[in-house]
Each structure stands twice: as C-alpha cells, then as structure tokens.
PDB file of N, CA and C in Angstrom:
ATOM      1  N   MET A   1      49.959 -16.695   8.491  1.00  0.00           N
ATOM      2  CA  MET A   1      50.725 -16.537   7.288  1.00  0.00           C
ATOM      3  C   MET A   1      51.879 -17.550   7.225  1.00  0.00           C
ATOM      4  N   LEU A   2      52.576 -17.704   8.342  1.00  0.00           N
ATOM      5  CA  LEU A   2      53.735 -18.598   8.356  1.00  0.00           C
ATOM      6  C   LEU A   2      53.331 -20.041   8.109  1.00  0.00           C
ATOM      7  N   GLY A   3      52.200 -20.445   8.677  1.00  0.00           N
ATOM      8  CA  GLY A   3      51.711 -21.796   8.462  1.00  0.00           C
ATOM      9  C   GLY A   3      51.356 -22.057   7.021  1.00  0.00           C
ATOM     10  N   VAL A   4      50.760 -21.080   6.372  1.00  0.00           N
ATOM     11  CA  VAL A   4      50.397 -21.225   4.958  1.00  0.00           C
ATOM     12  C   VAL A   4      51.651 -21.361   4.106  1.00  0.00           C
ATOM     13  N   ILE A   5      52.632 -20.502   4.338  1.00  0.00           N
ATOM     14  CA  ILE A   5      53.880 -20.580   3.573  1.00  0.00           C
ATOM     15  C   ILE A   5      54.546 -21.935   3.791  1.00  0.00           C
ATOM     16  N   ALA A   6      54.643 -22.355   5.045  1.00  0.00           N
ATOM     17  CA  ALA A   6      55.293 -23.635   5.357  1.00  0.00           C
ATOM     18  C   ALA A   6      54.572 -24.795   4.682  1.00  0.00           C
ATOM     19  N   ARG A   7      53.236 -24.820   4.757  1.00  0.00           N
ATOM     20  CA  ARG A   7      52.491 -25.926   4.136  1.00  0.00           C
ATOM     21  C   ARG A   7      52.639 -25.918   2.623  1.00  0.00           C
ATOM     22  N   GLN A   8      52.628 -24.757   2.018  1.00  0.00           N
ATOM     23  CA  GLN A   8      52.762 -24.685   0.562  1.00  0.00           C
ATOM     24  C   GLN A   8      54.176 -25.071   0.120  1.00  0.00           C
ATOM     25  N   MET A   9      55.175 -24.765   0.931  1.00  0.00           N
ATOM     26  CA  MET A   9      56.547 -25.174   0.619  1.00  0.00           C
ATOM     27  C   MET A   9      56.726 -26.679   0.821  1.00  0.00           C
ATOM     28  N   ASN A  10      55.898 -27.292   1.656  1.00  0.00           N
ATOM     29  CA  ASN A  10      56.003 -28.725   1.924  1.00  0.00           C
ATOM     30  C   ASN A  10      55.238 -29.582   0.929  1.00  0.00           C
ATOM     31  N   ARG A  11      54.389 -28.985   0.136  1.00  0.00           N
ATOM     32  CA  ARG A  11      53.577 -29.739  -0.822  1.00  0.00           C
ATOM     33  C   ARG A  11      54.233 -29.668  -2.201  1.00  0.00           C
ATOM     34  N   GLN A  12      54.507 -30.806  -2.771  1.00  0.00           N
ATOM     35  CA  GLN A  12      55.170 -30.878  -4.073  1.00  0.00           C
ATOM     36  C   GLN A  12      54.459 -30.054  -5.154  1.00  0.00           C
ATOM     37  N   PRO A  13      53.126 -30.118  -5.256  1.00  0.00           N
ATOM     38  CA  PRO A  13      52.454 -29.361  -6.326  1.00  0.00           C
ATOM     39  C   PRO A  13      52.565 -27.838  -6.188  1.00  0.00           C
ATOM     40  N   THR A  14      52.810 -27.341  -4.970  1.00  0.00           N
ATOM     41  CA  THR A  14      52.849 -25.892  -4.771  1.00  0.00           C
ATOM     42  C   THR A  14      54.226 -25.363  -4.387  1.00  0.00           C
ATOM     43  N   MET A  15      55.188 -26.246  -4.220  1.00  0.00           N
ATOM     44  CA  MET A  15      56.505 -25.844  -3.728  1.00  0.00           C
ATOM     45  C   MET A  15      57.190 -24.813  -4.625  1.00  0.00           C
ATOM     46  N   GLU A  16      57.290 -25.080  -5.902  1.00  0.00           N
ATOM     47  CA  GLU A  16      58.034 -24.187  -6.788  1.00  0.00           C
ATOM     48  C   GLU A  16      57.373 -22.823  -6.915  1.00  0.00           C
ATOM     49  N   GLN A  17      56.050 -22.822  -7.034  1.00  0.00           N
ATOM     50  CA  GLN A  17      55.338 -21.552  -7.141  1.00  0.00           C
ATOM     51  C   GLN A  17      55.473 -20.740  -5.843  1.00  0.00           C
ATOM     52  N   THR A  18      55.393 -21.413  -4.707  1.00  0.00           N
ATOM     53  CA  THR A  18      55.536 -20.730  -3.423  1.00  0.00           C
ATOM     54  C   THR A  18      56.953 -20.214  -3.239  1.00  0.00           C
ATOM     55  N   TYR A  19      57.927 -20.995  -3.655  1.00  0.00           N
ATOM     56  CA  TYR A  19      59.325 -20.558  -3.542  1.00  0.00           C
ATOM     57  C   TYR A  19      59.560 -19.324  -4.400  1.00  0.00           C
ATOM     58  N   ALA A  20      59.032 -19.314  -5.599  1.00  0.00           N
ATOM     59  CA  ALA A  20      59.166 -18.133  -6.469  1.00  0.00           C
ATOM     60  C   ALA A  20      58.494 -16.924  -5.820  1.00  0.00           C
ATOM     61  N   TRP A  21      57.308 -17.132  -5.261  1.00  0.00           N
ATOM     62  CA  TRP A  21      56.583 -16.055  -4.595  1.00  0.00           C
ATOM     63  C   TRP A  21      57.365 -15.549  -3.391  1.00  0.00           C
ATOM     64  N   LEU A  22      57.938 -16.462  -2.623  1.00  0.00           N
ATOM     65  CA  LEU A  22      58.724 -16.089  -1.457  1.00  0.00           C
ATOM     66  C   LEU A  22      59.918 -15.233  -1.857  1.00  0.00           C
ATOM     67  N   ARG A  23      60.593 -15.640  -2.914  1.00  0.00           N
ATOM     68  CA  ARG A  23      61.757 -14.878  -3.380  1.00  0.00           C
ATOM     69  C   ARG A  23      61.356 -13.491  -3.883  1.00  0.00           C
ATOM     70  N   GLU A  24      60.225 -13.390  -4.508  1.00  0.00           N
ATOM     71  CA  GLU A  24      59.754 -12.099  -5.020  1.00  0.00           C
ATOM     72  C   GLU A  24      59.287 -11.165  -3.907  1.00  0.00           C
ATOM     73  N   ASN A  25      58.843 -11.738  -2.794  1.00  0.00           N
ATOM     74  CA  ASN A  25      58.227 -10.941  -1.734  1.00  0.00           C
ATOM     75  C   ASN A  25      58.970 -10.982  -0.407  1.00  0.00           C
ATOM     76  N   ASP A  26      60.182 -11.518  -0.395  1.00  0.00           N
ATOM     77  CA  ASP A  26      60.894 -11.699   0.867  1.00  0.00           C
ATOM     78  C   ASP A  26      61.128 -10.394   1.624  1.00  0.00           C
ATOM     79  N   LYS A  27      61.317  -9.312   0.933  1.00  0.00           N
ATOM     80  CA  LYS A  27      61.576  -8.029   1.605  1.00  0.00           C
ATOM     81  C   LYS A  27      60.358  -7.564   2.400  1.00  0.00           C
ATOM     82  N   ALA A  28      59.176  -7.959   1.976  1.00  0.00           N
ATOM     83  CA  ALA A  28      57.959  -7.623   2.703  1.00  0.00           C
ATOM     84  C   ALA A  28      57.616  -8.688   3.751  1.00  0.00           C
ATOM     85  N   ILE A  29      57.946  -9.951   3.472  1.00  0.00           N
ATOM     86  CA  ILE A  29      57.556 -11.052   4.354  1.00  0.00           C
ATOM     87  C   ILE A  29      58.430 -11.140   5.598  1.00  0.00           C
ATOM     88  N   ILE A  30      59.727 -11.058   5.424  1.00  0.00           N
ATOM     89  CA  ILE A  30      60.642 -11.254   6.561  1.00  0.00           C
ATOM     90  C   ILE A  30      60.335 -10.293   7.717  1.00  0.00           C
ATOM     91  N   PRO A  31      60.125  -9.011   7.462  1.00  0.00           N
ATOM     92  CA  PRO A  31      59.812  -8.116   8.589  1.00  0.00           C
ATOM     93  C   PRO A  31      58.484  -8.430   9.295  1.00  0.00           C
ATOM     94  N   LEU A  32      57.586  -9.146   8.629  1.00  0.00           N
ATOM     95  CA  LEU A  32      56.315  -9.511   9.251  1.00  0.00           C
ATOM     96  C   LEU A  32      56.453 -10.656  10.249  1.00  0.00           C
ATOM     97  N   ILE A  33      57.543 -11.418  10.141  1.00  0.00           N
ATOM     98  CA  ILE A  33      57.781 -12.524  11.071  1.00  0.00           C
ATOM     99  C   ILE A  33      58.329 -11.924  12.363  1.00  0.00           C
ATOM    100  N   PRO A  34      57.714 -12.218  13.495  1.00  0.00           N
ATOM    101  CA  PRO A  34      58.217 -11.654  14.757  1.00  0.00           C
ATOM    102  C   PRO A  34      59.714 -11.926  14.921  1.00  0.00           C
ATOM    103  N   GLU A  35      60.421 -10.896  15.281  1.00  0.00           N
ATOM    104  CA  GLU A  35      61.880 -10.952  15.332  1.00  0.00           C
ATOM    105  C   GLU A  35      62.414 -12.034  16.262  1.00  0.00           C
ATOM    106  N   PHE A  36      61.700 -12.327  17.345  1.00  0.00           N
ATOM    107  CA  PHE A  36      62.219 -13.283  18.319  1.00  0.00           C
ATOM    108  C   PHE A  36      62.270 -14.718  17.799  1.00  0.00           C
ATOM    109  N   PHE A  37      61.570 -15.044  16.704  1.00  0.00           N
ATOM    110  CA  PHE A  37      61.738 -16.386  16.133  1.00  0.00           C
ATOM    111  C   PHE A  37      61.895 -16.387  14.623  1.00  0.00           C
ATOM    112  N   ARG A  38      62.138 -15.237  14.069  1.00  0.00           N
ATOM    113  CA  ARG A  38      62.359 -15.097  12.622  1.00  0.00           C
ATOM    114  C   ARG A  38      63.501 -15.984  12.139  1.00  0.00           C
ATOM    115  N   SER A  39      64.605 -15.984  12.879  1.00  0.00           N
ATOM    116  CA  SER A  39      65.784 -16.756  12.455  1.00  0.00           C
ATOM    117  C   SER A  39      65.568 -18.255  12.590  1.00  0.00           C
ATOM    118  N   ASN A  40      64.563 -18.660  13.380  1.00  0.00           N
ATOM    119  CA  ASN A  40      64.253 -20.078  13.519  1.00  0.00           C
ATOM    120  C   ASN A  40      63.281 -20.557  12.452  1.00  0.00           C
ATOM    121  N   VAL A  41      62.400 -19.686  12.007  1.00  0.00           N
ATOM    122  CA  VAL A  41      61.340 -20.070  11.073  1.00  0.00           C
ATOM    123  C   VAL A  41      61.788 -19.984   9.622  1.00  0.00           C
ATOM    124  N   PHE A  42      62.316 -18.860   9.247  1.00  0.00           N
ATOM    125  CA  PHE A  42      62.609 -18.629   7.830  1.00  0.00           C
ATOM    126  C   PHE A  42      63.526 -19.691   7.218  1.00  0.00           C
ATOM    127  N   PRO A  43      64.637 -20.062   7.856  1.00  0.00           N
ATOM    128  CA  PRO A  43      65.521 -21.063   7.241  1.00  0.00           C
ATOM    129  C   PRO A  43      64.861 -22.425   7.023  1.00  0.00           C
ATOM    130  N   THR A  44      63.834 -22.732   7.802  1.00  0.00           N
ATOM    131  CA  THR A  44      63.204 -24.046   7.691  1.00  0.00           C
ATOM    132  C   THR A  44      62.204 -24.146   6.550  1.00  0.00           C
ATOM    133  N   PHE A  45      61.827 -23.032   5.939  1.00  0.00           N
ATOM    134  CA  PHE A  45      60.883 -23.080   4.828  1.00  0.00           C
ATOM    135  C   PHE A  45      61.389 -23.971   3.691  1.00  0.00           C
ATOM    136  N   GLY A  46      62.692 -24.091   3.518  1.00  0.00           N
ATOM    137  CA  GLY A  46      63.249 -24.905   2.445  1.00  0.00           C
ATOM    138  C   GLY A  46      63.439 -26.366   2.802  1.00  0.00           C
ATOM    139  N   GLY A  47      62.944 -26.790   3.936  1.00  0.00           N
ATOM    140  CA  GLY A  47      63.193 -28.132   4.438  1.00  0.00           C
ATOM    141  C   GLY A  47      62.638 -29.276   3.611  1.00  0.00           C
ATOM    142  N   SER A  48      61.753 -29.000   2.686  1.00  0.00           N
ATOM    143  CA  SER A  48      61.200 -30.080   1.855  1.00  0.00           C
ATOM    144  C   SER A  48      61.889 -30.215   0.507  1.00  0.00           C
ATOM    145  N   PHE A  49      62.870 -29.391   0.258  1.00  0.00           N
ATOM    146  CA  PHE A  49      63.654 -29.578  -0.967  1.00  0.00           C
ATOM    147  C   PHE A  49      64.401 -30.901  -0.853  1.00  0.00           C
ATOM    148  N   CYS A  50      64.783 -31.462  -1.996  1.00  0.00           N
ATOM    149  CA  CYS A  50      65.367 -32.803  -1.949  1.00  0.00           C
ATOM    150  C   CYS A  50      66.421 -32.993  -3.042  1.00  0.00           C
ATOM    151  N   SER A  51      67.315 -32.026  -3.181  1.00  0.00           N
ATOM    152  CA  SER A  51      68.438 -32.197  -4.103  1.00  0.00           C
ATOM    153  C   SER A  51      69.630 -31.407  -3.565  1.00  0.00           C
ATOM    154  N   ASP A  52      70.810 -31.888  -3.886  1.00  0.00           N
ATOM    155  CA  ASP A  52      72.014 -31.194  -3.428  1.00  0.00           C
ATOM    156  C   ASP A  52      72.096 -29.794  -4.023  1.00  0.00           C
ATOM    157  N   ALA A  53      71.695 -29.660  -5.268  1.00  0.00           N
ATOM    158  CA  ALA A  53      71.728 -28.341  -5.914  1.00  0.00           C
ATOM    159  C   ALA A  53      70.770 -27.379  -5.215  1.00  0.00           C
ATOM    160  N   ARG A  54      69.588 -27.865  -4.873  1.00  0.00           N
ATOM    161  CA  ARG A  54      68.616 -26.996  -4.201  1.00  0.00           C
ATOM    162  C   ARG A  54      69.087 -26.650  -2.797  1.00  0.00           C
ATOM    163  N   ALA A  55      69.798 -27.567  -2.145  1.00  0.00           N
ATOM    164  CA  ALA A  55      70.358 -27.271  -0.820  1.00  0.00           C
ATOM    165  C   ALA A  55      71.334 -26.107  -0.916  1.00  0.00           C
ATOM    166  N   ASP A  56      72.197 -26.145  -1.909  1.00  0.00           N
ATOM    167  CA  ASP A  56      73.163 -25.063  -2.104  1.00  0.00           C
ATOM    168  C   ASP A  56      72.457 -23.740  -2.407  1.00  0.00           C
ATOM    169  N   GLU A  57      71.429 -23.819  -3.239  1.00  0.00           N
ATOM    170  CA  GLU A  57      70.664 -22.619  -3.601  1.00  0.00           C
ATOM    171  C   GLU A  57      69.972 -22.035  -2.375  1.00  0.00           C
ATOM    172  N   TRP A  58      69.321 -22.894  -1.594  1.00  0.00           N
ATOM    173  CA  TRP A  58      68.603 -22.428  -0.410  1.00  0.00           C
ATOM    174  C   TRP A  58      69.565 -21.834   0.612  1.00  0.00           C
ATOM    175  N   GLU A  59      70.704 -22.472   0.788  1.00  0.00           N
ATOM    176  CA  GLU A  59      71.689 -21.963   1.739  1.00  0.00           C
ATOM    177  C   GLU A  59      72.154 -20.563   1.338  1.00  0.00           C
ATOM    178  N   ALA A  60      72.467 -20.372   0.079  1.00  0.00           N
ATOM    179  CA  ALA A  60      72.898 -19.059  -0.394  1.00  0.00           C
ATOM    180  C   ALA A  60      71.787 -18.024  -0.233  1.00  0.00           C
ATOM    181  N   TYR A  61      70.568 -18.436  -0.517  1.00  0.00           N
ATOM    182  CA  TYR A  61      69.425 -17.530  -0.403  1.00  0.00           C
ATOM    183  C   TYR A  61      69.230 -17.070   1.040  1.00  0.00           C
ATOM    184  N   VAL A  62      69.235 -18.005   1.974  1.00  0.00           N
ATOM    185  CA  VAL A  62      69.042 -17.638   3.378  1.00  0.00           C
ATOM    186  C   VAL A  62      70.209 -16.777   3.858  1.00  0.00           C
ATOM    187  N   LYS A  63      71.421 -17.143   3.485  1.00  0.00           N
ATOM    188  CA  LYS A  63      72.588 -16.358   3.898  1.00  0.00           C
ATOM    189  C   LYS A  63      72.540 -14.937   3.336  1.00  0.00           C
ATOM    190  N   SER A  64      71.887 -14.765   2.203  1.00  0.00           N
ATOM    191  CA  SER A  64      71.779 -13.416   1.633  1.00  0.00           C
ATOM    192  C   SER A  64      70.884 -12.519   2.492  1.00  0.00           C
ATOM    193  N   HIS A  65      70.157 -13.128   3.427  1.00  0.00           N
ATOM    194  CA  HIS A  65      69.297 -12.388   4.348  1.00  0.00           C
ATOM    195  C   HIS A  65      69.834 -12.442   5.778  1.00  0.00           C
ATOM    196  N   ALA A  66      71.102 -12.725   5.936  1.00  0.00           N
ATOM    197  CA  ALA A  66      71.697 -12.915   7.264  1.00  0.00           C
ATOM    198  C   ALA A  66      71.478 -11.712   8.175  1.00  0.00           C
ATOM    199  N   ALA A  67      71.547 -10.513   7.650  1.00  0.00           N
ATOM    200  CA  ALA A  67      71.380  -9.317   8.481  1.00  0.00           C
ATOM    201  C   ALA A  67      69.988  -9.246   9.100  1.00  0.00           C
ATOM    202  N   GLU A  68      69.014  -9.809   8.427  1.00  0.00           N
ATOM    203  CA  GLU A  68      67.632  -9.783   8.917  1.00  0.00           C
ATOM    204  C   GLU A  68      67.301 -10.999   9.778  1.00  0.00           C
ATOM    205  N   LEU A  69      68.220 -11.974   9.822  1.00  0.00           N
ATOM    206  CA  LEU A  69      67.966 -13.240  10.513  1.00  0.00           C
ATOM    207  C   LEU A  69      69.071 -13.569  11.515  1.00  0.00           C
ATOM    208  N   PRO A  70      69.344 -12.695  12.464  1.00  0.00           N
ATOM    209  CA  PRO A  70      70.440 -12.992  13.394  1.00  0.00           C
ATOM    210  C   PRO A  70      70.204 -14.303  14.140  1.00  0.00           C
ATOM    211  N   GLY A  71      71.210 -15.152  14.146  1.00  0.00           N
ATOM    212  CA  GLY A  71      71.107 -16.438  14.813  1.00  0.00           C
ATOM    213  C   GLY A  71      70.517 -17.543  13.951  1.00  0.00           C
ATOM    214  N   TYR A  72      70.483 -17.354  12.653  1.00  0.00           N
ATOM    215  CA  TYR A  72      69.876 -18.307  11.709  1.00  0.00           C
ATOM    216  C   TYR A  72      70.715 -19.567  11.497  1.00  0.00           C
ATOM    217  N   GLU A  73      71.981 -19.524  11.852  1.00  0.00           N
ATOM    218  CA  GLU A  73      72.942 -20.547  11.424  1.00  0.00           C
ATOM    219  C   GLU A  73      72.545 -21.981  11.790  1.00  0.00           C
ATOM    220  N   ARG A  74      72.114 -22.207  13.013  1.00  0.00           N
ATOM    221  CA  ARG A  74      71.798 -23.579  13.422  1.00  0.00           C
ATOM    222  C   ARG A  74      70.584 -24.119  12.655  1.00  0.00           C
ATOM    223  N   ASP A  75      69.530 -23.329  12.562  1.00  0.00           N
ATOM    224  CA  ASP A  75      68.333 -23.796  11.854  1.00  0.00           C
ATOM    225  C   ASP A  75      68.624 -24.010  10.376  1.00  0.00           C
ATOM    226  N   LEU A  76      69.450 -23.155   9.806  1.00  0.00           N
ATOM    227  CA  LEU A  76      69.821 -23.346   8.410  1.00  0.00           C
ATOM    228  C   LEU A  76      70.659 -24.611   8.251  1.00  0.00           C
ATOM    229  N   ALA A  77      71.608 -24.832   9.133  1.00  0.00           N
ATOM    230  CA  ALA A  77      72.451 -26.032   9.045  1.00  0.00           C
ATOM    231  C   ALA A  77      71.603 -27.303   9.143  1.00  0.00           C
ATOM    232  N   GLN A  78      70.623 -27.315  10.040  1.00  0.00           N
ATOM    233  CA  GLN A  78      69.749 -28.480  10.167  1.00  0.00           C
ATOM    234  C   GLN A  78      68.890 -28.676   8.919  1.00  0.00           C
ATOM    235  N   THR A  79      68.419 -27.576   8.360  1.00  0.00           N
ATOM    236  CA  THR A  79      67.608 -27.652   7.142  1.00  0.00           C
ATOM    237  C   THR A  79      68.439 -28.168   5.979  1.00  0.00           C
ATOM    238  N   ILE A  80      69.653 -27.657   5.835  1.00  0.00           N
ATOM    239  CA  ILE A  80      70.529 -28.088   4.742  1.00  0.00           C
ATOM    240  C   ILE A  80      70.886 -29.560   4.907  1.00  0.00           C
ATOM    241  N   GLU A  81      71.151 -29.987   6.125  1.00  0.00           N
ATOM    242  CA  GLU A  81      71.435 -31.404   6.368  1.00  0.00           C
ATOM    243  C   GLU A  81      70.240 -32.267   5.962  1.00  0.00           C
ATOM    244  N   SER A  82      69.051 -31.838   6.316  1.00  0.00           N
ATOM    245  CA  SER A  82      67.833 -32.577   5.967  1.00  0.00           C
ATOM    246  C   SER A  82      67.668 -32.685   4.454  1.00  0.00           C
ATOM    247  N   ILE A  83      67.938 -31.601   3.751  1.00  0.00           N
ATOM    248  CA  ILE A  83      67.831 -31.617   2.284  1.00  0.00           C
ATOM    249  C   ILE A  83      68.844 -32.595   1.695  1.00  0.00           C
ATOM    250  N   HIS A  84      70.077 -32.555   2.183  1.00  0.00           N
ATOM    251  CA  HIS A  84      71.108 -33.478   1.682  1.00  0.00           C
ATOM    252  C   HIS A  84      70.764 -34.936   2.003  1.00  0.00           C
ATOM    253  N   LEU A  85      70.208 -35.188   3.180  1.00  0.00           N
ATOM    254  CA  LEU A  85      69.808 -36.554   3.525  1.00  0.00           C
ATOM    255  C   LEU A  85      68.700 -37.047   2.602  1.00  0.00           C
ATOM    256  N   CYS A  86      67.751 -36.191   2.297  1.00  0.00           N
ATOM    257  CA  CYS A  86      66.671 -36.559   1.373  1.00  0.00           C
ATOM    258  C   CYS A  86      67.246 -36.869  -0.002  1.00  0.00           C
ATOM    259  N   ALA A  87      68.148 -36.019  -0.460  1.00  0.00           N
ATOM    260  CA  ALA A  87      68.764 -36.232  -1.778  1.00  0.00           C
ATOM    261  C   ALA A  87      69.541 -37.542  -1.804  1.00  0.00           C
ATOM    262  N   GLY A  88      70.265 -37.825  -0.740  1.00  0.00           N
ATOM    263  CA  GLY A  88      71.022 -39.077  -0.667  1.00  0.00           C
ATOM    264  C   GLY A  88      70.126 -40.295  -0.656  1.00  0.00           C
ATOM    265  N   LEU A  89      69.045 -40.232   0.098  1.00  0.00           N
ATOM    266  CA  LEU A  89      68.097 -41.340   0.137  1.00  0.00           C
ATOM    267  C   LEU A  89      67.452 -41.545  -1.226  1.00  0.00           C
ATOM    268  N   LYS A  90      67.120 -40.452  -1.880  1.00  0.00           N
ATOM    269  CA  LYS A  90      66.512 -40.550  -3.209  1.00  0.00           C
ATOM    270  C   LYS A  90      67.473 -41.216  -4.196  1.00  0.00           C
ATOM    271  N   LYS A  91      68.732 -40.817  -4.145  1.00  0.00           N
ATOM    272  CA  LYS A  91      69.734 -41.427  -5.035  1.00  0.00           C
ATOM    273  C   LYS A  91      69.927 -42.910  -4.707  1.00  0.00           C
ATOM    274  N   ALA A  92      69.997 -43.213  -3.414  1.00  0.00           N
ATOM    275  CA  ALA A  92      70.263 -44.592  -2.997  1.00  0.00           C
ATOM    276  C   ALA A  92      69.097 -45.535  -3.266  1.00  0.00           C
ATOM    277  N   SER A  93      67.887 -45.034  -3.231  1.00  0.00           N
ATOM    278  CA  SER A  93      66.732 -45.916  -3.372  1.00  0.00           C
ATOM    279  C   SER A  93      66.043 -45.822  -4.729  1.00  0.00           C
ATOM    280  N   ALA A  94      66.480 -44.963  -5.607  1.00  0.00           N
ATOM    281  CA  ALA A  94      65.804 -44.784  -6.894  1.00  0.00           C
ATOM    282  C   ALA A  94      65.780 -46.077  -7.712  1.00  0.00           C
ATOM    283  N   ALA A  95      66.895 -46.766  -7.795  1.00  0.00           N
ATOM    284  CA  ALA A  95      66.950 -47.989  -8.596  1.00  0.00           C
ATOM    285  C   ALA A  95      66.022 -49.062  -8.017  1.00  0.00           C
ATOM    286  N   ASP A  96      66.021 -49.198  -6.692  1.00  0.00           N
ATOM    287  CA  ASP A  96      65.144 -50.184  -6.053  1.00  0.00           C
ATOM    288  C   ASP A  96      63.674 -49.855  -6.289  1.00  0.00           C
ATOM    289  N   LEU A  97      63.333 -48.601  -6.211  1.00  0.00           N
ATOM    290  CA  LEU A  97      61.951 -48.188  -6.431  1.00  0.00           C
ATOM    291  C   LEU A  97      61.526 -48.462  -7.868  1.00  0.00           C
ATOM    292  N   LEU A  98      62.377 -48.120  -8.817  1.00  0.00           N
ATOM    293  CA  LEU A  98      62.058 -48.393 -10.222  1.00  0.00           C
ATOM    294  C   LEU A  98      61.918 -49.883 -10.484  1.00  0.00           C
ATOM    295  N   ALA A  99      62.774 -50.684  -9.866  1.00  0.00           N
ATOM    296  CA  ALA A  99      62.690 -52.123 -10.031  1.00  0.00           C
ATOM    297  C   ALA A  99      61.383 -52.667  -9.454  1.00  0.00           C
ATOM    298  N   ALA A 100      60.992 -52.163  -8.307  1.00  0.00           N
ATOM    299  CA  ALA A 100      59.748 -52.612  -7.676  1.00  0.00           C
ATOM    300  C   ALA A 100      58.546 -52.235  -8.525  1.00  0.00           C
ATOM    301  N   ILE A 101      58.550 -51.043  -9.061  1.00  0.00           N
ATOM    302  CA  ILE A 101      57.434 -50.599  -9.904  1.00  0.00           C
ATOM    303  C   ILE A 101      57.392 -51.408 -11.195  1.00  0.00           C
ATOM    304  N   SER A 102      58.538 -51.664 -11.760  1.00  0.00           N
ATOM    305  CA  SER A 102      58.617 -52.439 -13.007  1.00  0.00           C
ATOM    306  C   SER A 102      58.105 -53.859 -12.822  1.00  0.00           C
ATOM    307  N   SER A 103      58.286 -54.416 -11.651  1.00  0.00           N
ATOM    308  CA  SER A 103      57.858 -55.791 -11.417  1.00  0.00           C
ATOM    309  C   SER A 103      56.337 -55.925 -11.396  1.00  0.00           C
ATOM    310  N   TYR A 104      55.610 -54.844 -11.284  1.00  0.00           N
ATOM    311  CA  TYR A 104      54.144 -54.889 -11.257  1.00  0.00           C
ATOM    312  C   TYR A 104      53.542 -54.747 -12.644  1.00  0.00           C
ATOM    313  N   GLN A 105      54.332 -54.507 -13.631  1.00  0.00           N
ATOM    314  CA  GLN A 105      53.774 -54.307 -14.979  1.00  0.00           C
ATOM    315  C   GLN A 105      53.549 -55.571 -15.688  1.00  0.00           C
TER     316      GLN A 105
END
C-alpha cells in the first residue's frame, strides 16, 4: 500500500488525485502504517511537490497529524526543504528553459 501511495504521489498525472484521496482517507491510512516507521514514511509522501505554497500546505497537513506521527519532525523538515529547493530551481531555470524551447521553433 505504501509503495502505491508513494509512486502515485511522485507521478505528476496522479499526484493531485492521490493527494485528495490521501486527505480524505488519512484517518484510515495512518493507523495501517506500522508505528515503528510511520513518522518516517508519511511526511515523505509530499516530497514531489514543487512550490513554496504547497510546501506550506504539506507542512501544516503533516503537523495536523503530529499526535499520530511521533518523531516526524526530521523527515518533515527534509521533505519541506526538498520541496522548497525544487520550487527555487523551477523559478531560477524557467526563463532559460523557455528560451531553449523557443529557439527550436
């Protein structure tokens, strides 16, 4: 189950639908994750997001489940950092990418 959720969250075509499903079913899903690594797995599901706004949203969402995810802080911090780095790279390289694509037309 965890692998399916992770892969669907990592794929652009299925990310939003999976995220909506996760939010709707989190009360049933979180207890199914073995407690000894629940706090390591759940925060990383958002690792493929790529905007500062989504980083803030994901952080608030995971923190809203803090009682069920003891010790989540480090994995969440790494995930949020990854999201911010992706967003920064996207902002920094967007103009170059558009210019490169335009040169082929």
